[in-house]
C-alpha atoms as a PDB file:
ATOM      1  CA  MET A   1       0.154  -0.241  -0.017  1.00  0.00           C
ATOM      2  CA  ALA A   2       2.181   2.619   0.758  1.00  0.00           C
ATOM      3  CA  ALA A   3       4.551   1.942  -2.556  1.00  0.00           C
ATOM      4  CA  LYS A   4       1.467   2.120  -4.155  1.00  0.00           C
ATOM      5  CA  ASN A   5       1.004   5.934  -2.524  1.00  0.00           C
ATOM      6  CA  ALA A   6       3.923   6.937  -3.186  1.00  0.00           C
ATOM      7  CA  SER A   7       4.612   5.625  -7.038  1.00  0.00           C
ATOM      8  CA  LEU A   8       0.966   7.971  -7.096  1.00  0.00           C
ATOM      9  CA  ASN A   9       2.875  10.702  -5.485  1.00  0.00           C
ATOM     10  CA  LYS A  10       5.601  10.469  -7.634  1.00  0.00           C
ATOM     11  CA  ARG A  11       3.356  10.879 -11.220  1.00  0.00           C
ATOM     12  CA  LEU A  12       0.906  13.707  -9.454  1.00  0.00           C
ATOM     13  CA  ASN A  13       4.901  15.624  -8.546  1.00  0.00           C
ATOM     14  CA  LYS A  14       6.010  15.167 -12.088  1.00  0.00           C
ATOM     15  CA  ARG A  15       2.877  15.875 -13.961  1.00  0.00           C
ATOM     16  CA  ARG A  16       2.887  19.518 -10.894  1.00  0.00           C
ATOM     17  CA  ILE A  17       6.522  19.953 -11.959  1.00  0.00           C
ATOM     18  CA  ILE A  18       5.103  19.291 -16.139  1.00  0.00           C
ATOM     19  CA  ALA A  19       2.245  21.500 -15.496  1.00  0.00           C
ATOM     20  CA  ALA A  20       4.127  23.943 -14.335  1.00  0.00           C
ATOM     21  CA  GLN A  21       7.006  24.343 -16.953  1.00  0.00           C
ATOM     22  CA  ARG A  22       3.976  24.852 -20.099  1.00  0.00           C
ATOM     23  CA  ARG A  23       3.150  27.709 -17.560  1.00  0.00           C
ATOM     24  CA  LEU A  24       6.392  29.431 -17.304  1.00  0.00           C
ATOM     25  CA  ARG A  25       6.881  28.496 -20.815  1.00  0.00           C
ATOM     26  CA  ALA A  26       3.638  30.475 -22.135  1.00  0.00           C
ATOM     27  CA  VAL A  27       4.171  33.682 -19.714  1.00  0.00           C
ATOM     28  CA  GLU A  28       7.775  33.148 -21.413  1.00  0.00           C
ATOM     29  CA  LEU A  29       6.024  33.484 -25.343  1.00  0.00           C
ATOM     30  CA  MET A  30       3.543  36.115 -24.451  1.00  0.00           C
ATOM     31  CA  THR A  31       6.180  38.782 -22.844  1.00  0.00           C
ATOM     32  CA  GLY A  32       9.642  39.882 -24.720  1.00  0.00           C
ATOM     33  CA  GLU A  33      10.479  41.964 -27.587  1.00  0.00           C
ATOM     34  CA  ASN A  34       8.724  38.799 -29.526  1.00  0.00           C
ATOM     35  CA  ARG A  35       6.023  38.198 -28.083  1.00  0.00           C
ATOM     36  CA  LYS A  36       3.487  35.918 -29.458  1.00  0.00           C
ATOM     37  CA  THR A  37      -0.975  36.154 -28.831  1.00  0.00           C
ATOM     38  CA  LEU A  38      -2.720  33.154 -27.337  1.00  0.00           C
ATOM     39  CA  ARG A  39      -3.524  31.951 -30.221  1.00  0.00           C
ATOM     40  CA  GLU A  40       0.109  31.695 -31.560  1.00  0.00           C
ATOM     41  CA  VAL A  41       1.328  30.501 -27.689  1.00  0.00           C
ATOM     42  CA  GLY A  42      -1.268  28.011 -28.480  1.00  0.00           C
ATOM     43  CA  SER A  43      -0.776  26.441 -31.308  1.00  0.00           C
ATOM     44  CA  GLU A  44       2.873  26.014 -30.210  1.00  0.00           C
ATOM     45  CA  LEU A  45       2.062  24.572 -27.452  1.00  0.00           C
ATOM     46  CA  GLY A  46      -0.507  22.245 -29.005  1.00  0.00           C
ATOM     47  CA  VAL A  47      -3.392  23.248 -26.826  1.00  0.00           C
ATOM     48  CA  THR A  48      -6.275  25.933 -26.981  1.00  0.00           C
ATOM     49  CA  THR A  49      -6.180  29.320 -26.259  1.00  0.00           C
ATOM     50  CA  ALA A  50      -8.216  29.057 -23.195  1.00  0.00           C
ATOM     51  CA  ALA A  51      -6.061  26.733 -22.233  1.00  0.00           C
ATOM     52  CA  VAL A  52      -3.186  29.710 -22.198  1.00  0.00           C
ATOM     53  CA  TRP A  53      -4.926  31.488 -20.807  1.00  0.00           C
ATOM     54  CA  LYS A  54      -5.631  29.007 -17.541  1.00  0.00           C
ATOM     55  CA  MET A  55      -2.117  28.774 -17.844  1.00  0.00           C
ATOM     56  CA  VAL A  56      -1.411  32.227 -17.713  1.00  0.00           C
ATOM     57  CA  ARG A  57      -3.536  32.745 -14.727  1.00  0.00           C
ATOM     58  CA  GLY A  58      -2.036  30.035 -12.837  1.00  0.00           C
ATOM     59  CA  TYR A  59       1.123  31.387 -12.707  1.00  0.00           C
ATOM     60  CA  VAL A  60       0.457  34.893 -12.358  1.00  0.00           C
ATOM     61  CA  ASP A  61      -2.231  33.721  -8.770  1.00  0.00           C
ATOM     62  CA  ASN A  62       0.868  31.503  -8.416  1.00  0.00           C
ATOM     63  CA  ILE A  63       3.066  34.826  -8.193  1.00  0.00           C
ATOM     64  CA  ASN A  64       0.368  36.509  -6.286  1.00  0.00           C
ATOM     65  CA  ALA A  65      -0.393  33.693  -3.557  1.00  0.00           C
ATOM     66  CA  THR A  66       3.970  33.670  -2.583  1.00  0.00           C
ATOM     67  CA  ASN A  67       3.293  37.498  -2.383  1.00  0.00           C
ATOM     68  CA  VAL A  68       1.076  37.633  -0.050  1.00  0.00           C
ATOM     69  CA  GLU A  69       2.687  35.411   1.618  1.00  0.00           C
ATOM     70  CA  ALA A  70       6.117  37.414   1.275  1.00  0.00           C
ATOM     71  CA  VAL A  71       4.713  40.393   2.436  1.00  0.00           C
ATOM     72  CA  ALA A  72       2.503  39.084   6.048  1.00  0.00           C
ATOM     73  CA  VAL A  73       6.285  37.442   6.539  1.00  0.00           C
ATOM     74  CA  LEU A  74       7.874  41.145   6.176  1.00  0.00           C
ATOM     75  CA  ARG A  75       4.821  42.376   8.110  1.00  0.00           C
ATOM     76  CA  GLN A  76       5.235  40.169  11.204  1.00  0.00           C
ATOM     77  CA  GLU A  77       8.678  40.618  10.799  1.00  0.00           C
ATOM     78  CA  MET A  78       8.084  44.668  11.333  1.00  0.00           C
ATOM     79  CA  LEU A  79       5.638  44.196  13.887  1.00  0.00           C
ATOM     80  CA  ASP A  80       8.688  42.694  15.642  1.00  0.00           C
ATOM     81  CA  ARG A  81      10.042  44.746  15.378  1.00  0.00           C
ATOM     82  CA  LEU A  82       8.807  47.876  16.155  1.00  0.00           C
ATOM     83  CA  GLU A  83       7.635  45.656  18.752  1.00  0.00           C
ATOM     84  CA  GLN A  84      11.877  45.160  20.172  1.00  0.00           C
ATOM     85  CA  ALA A  85      11.539  49.208  19.710  1.00  0.00           C
ATOM     86  CA  ILE A  86       8.672  49.616  22.456  1.00  0.00           C
ATOM     87  CA  GLN A  87      10.819  48.079  24.792  1.00  0.00           C
ATOM     88  CA  GLY A  88      13.213  49.781  24.697  1.00  0.00           C
ATOM     89  CA  GLN A  89      11.260  53.205  24.847  1.00  0.00           C
ATOM     90  CA  LEU A  90       9.468  52.398  27.784  1.00  0.00           C
ATOM     91  CA  PRO A  91      11.040  52.305  30.192  1.00  0.00           C
ATOM     92  CA  LYS A  92      12.837  56.118  29.864  1.00  0.00           C
ATOM     93  CA  ALA A  93       9.866  57.427  29.303  1.00  0.00           C
ATOM     94  CA  ARG A  94       7.794  56.080  32.472  1.00  0.00           C
ATOM     95  CA  GLU A  95      10.776  58.301  34.250  1.00  0.00           C
ATOM     96  CA  GLY A  96       9.165  61.105  32.241  1.00  0.00           C
ATOM     97  CA  ASP A  97      11.540  60.894  29.022  1.00  0.00           C
ATOM     98  CA  THR A  98      10.280  63.377  27.098  1.00  0.00           C
ATOM     99  CA  ALA A  99      11.881  61.907  24.275  1.00  0.00           C
ATOM    100  CA  ALA A 100      11.485  58.845  24.566  1.00  0.00           C
ATOM    101  CA  ALA A 101       7.419  59.297  25.072  1.00  0.00           C
ATOM    102  CA  ALA A 102       7.482  61.729  21.683  1.00  0.00           C
ATOM    103  CA  ALA A 103       9.166  58.034  19.659  1.00  0.00           C
ATOM    104  CA  LEU A 104       6.780  55.812  21.503  1.00  0.00           C
ATOM    105  CA  VAL A 105       4.072  57.411  20.396  1.00  0.00           C
ATOM    106  CA  ARG A 106       5.311  57.509  16.767  1.00  0.00           C
ATOM    107  CA  LEU A 107       6.105  53.830  17.327  1.00  0.00           C
ATOM    108  CA  PHE A 108       2.604  52.944  18.778  1.00  0.00           C
ATOM    109  CA  GLU A 109       1.109  54.989  15.138  1.00  0.00           C
ATOM    110  CA  ARG A 110       3.165  53.424  12.703  1.00  0.00           C
ATOM    111  CA  MET A 111       2.277  50.204  14.323  1.00  0.00           C
ATOM    112  CA  ALA A 112      -0.961  50.552  13.964  1.00  0.00           C
ATOM    113  CA  LYS A 113      -1.238  51.483  10.422  1.00  0.00           C
ATOM    114  CA  LEU A 114       1.273  48.595   9.966  1.00  0.00           C
ATOM    115  CA  ALA A 115      -1.406  46.287  11.538  1.00  0.00           C
ATOM    116  CA  GLY A 116      -4.872  47.869   9.796  1.00  0.00           C
ATOM    117  CA  LEU A 117      -5.645  49.208  13.011  1.00  0.00           C
ATOM    118  CA  ASP A 118      -6.443  52.784  11.694  1.00  0.00           C
ATOM    119  CA  ALA A 119      -9.253  54.263  10.288  1.00  0.00           C
ATOM    120  CA  PRO A 120      -8.984  54.844   6.501  1.00  0.00           C
ATOM    121  CA  ASP A 121      -8.861  58.925   6.349  1.00  0.00           C
ATOM    122  CA  LYS A 122     -11.877  59.717   4.685  1.00  0.00           C
ATOM    123  CA  TYR A 123     -12.509  62.842   2.487  1.00  0.00           C
ATOM    124  CA  GLU A 124     -16.137  65.050   1.570  1.00  0.00           C
ATOM    125  CA  HIS A 125     -15.311  66.720  -1.681  1.00  0.00           C
ATOM    126  CA  ALA A 126     -17.496  70.292  -1.752  1.00  0.00           C
ATOM    127  CA  GLY A 127     -17.081  73.614  -3.803  1.00  0.00           C
ATOM    128  CA  VAL A 128     -16.946  76.795  -1.966  1.00  0.00           C
ATOM    129  CA  GLY A 129     -17.933  77.199   1.319  1.00  0.00           C
ATOM    130  CA  GLY A 130     -19.132  73.084   1.588  1.00  0.00           C
ATOM    131  CA  THR A 131     -21.336  73.791  -1.841  1.00  0.00           C
ATOM    132  CA  PRO A 132     -22.237  70.911  -3.832  1.00  0.00           C
ATOM    133  CA  LEU A 133     -20.089  70.583  -6.426  1.00  0.00           C
ATOM    134  CA  ASN A 134     -21.903  71.141  -9.691  1.00  0.00           C
ATOM    135  CA  SER A 135     -20.787  69.015 -12.542  1.00  0.00           C
ATOM    136  CA  ALA A 136     -21.582  69.103 -16.268  1.00  0.00           C
ATOM    137  CA  VAL A 137     -21.430  66.178 -18.976  1.00  0.00           C
ATOM    138  CA  MET A 138     -21.019  67.389 -23.137  1.00  0.00           C
ATOM    139  CA  LEU A 139     -21.832  65.821 -25.413  1.00  0.00           C
ATOM    140  CA  ILE A 140     -19.297  65.978 -28.980  1.00  0.00           C
ATOM    141  CA  PRO A 141     -21.373  64.253 -31.624  1.00  0.00           C
ATOM    142  CA  ALA A 142     -18.494  62.030 -34.016  1.00  0.00           C
ATOM    143  CA  PRO A 143     -17.220  64.042 -36.738  1.00  0.00           C
ATOM    144  CA  LYS A 144     -19.343  63.178 -39.866  1.00  0.00           C
ATOM    145  CA  LYS A 145     -18.148  61.014 -42.268  1.00  0.00           C
ATOM    146  CA  GLU A 146     -17.232  61.735 -46.135  1.00  0.00           C
ATOM    147  CA  GLU A 147     -20.257  59.678 -47.691  1.00  0.00           C
ATOM    148  CA  ASP A 148     -22.825  61.194 -45.091  1.00  0.00           C
ATOM    149  CA  LEU A 149     -22.036  64.315 -46.431  1.00  0.00           C
END
């Protein structure tokens, strides 16, 4: 049973590697100086344009997922560093050091912003003296064609 599962996993891994290589090839063909269309890439790879689109989309989704993970790791590292800085300034601020207290305020603001705790800024767009904005739409007719004259 274990040998059967190992064989199945090996085949699945091989298929995943081949699929990843095909996705990469599709992206390579669609980018760079000699870009090809979906149809041209499909023809070269022997698949439909829909399949090429799925390959490219899968490649981009994979990059996005990787970026999301990398950003989460970086955010946590930054939060850890801010926490260390706060721990370093806290005793000084408790003793009455105003510079340390000001540094703490900035550190807490940065931490809240990085953690997404602050609400986004809201802006009200208004005219002079708070009056409503006036707007108008002007329609410009299309130029007449020679055959219409």
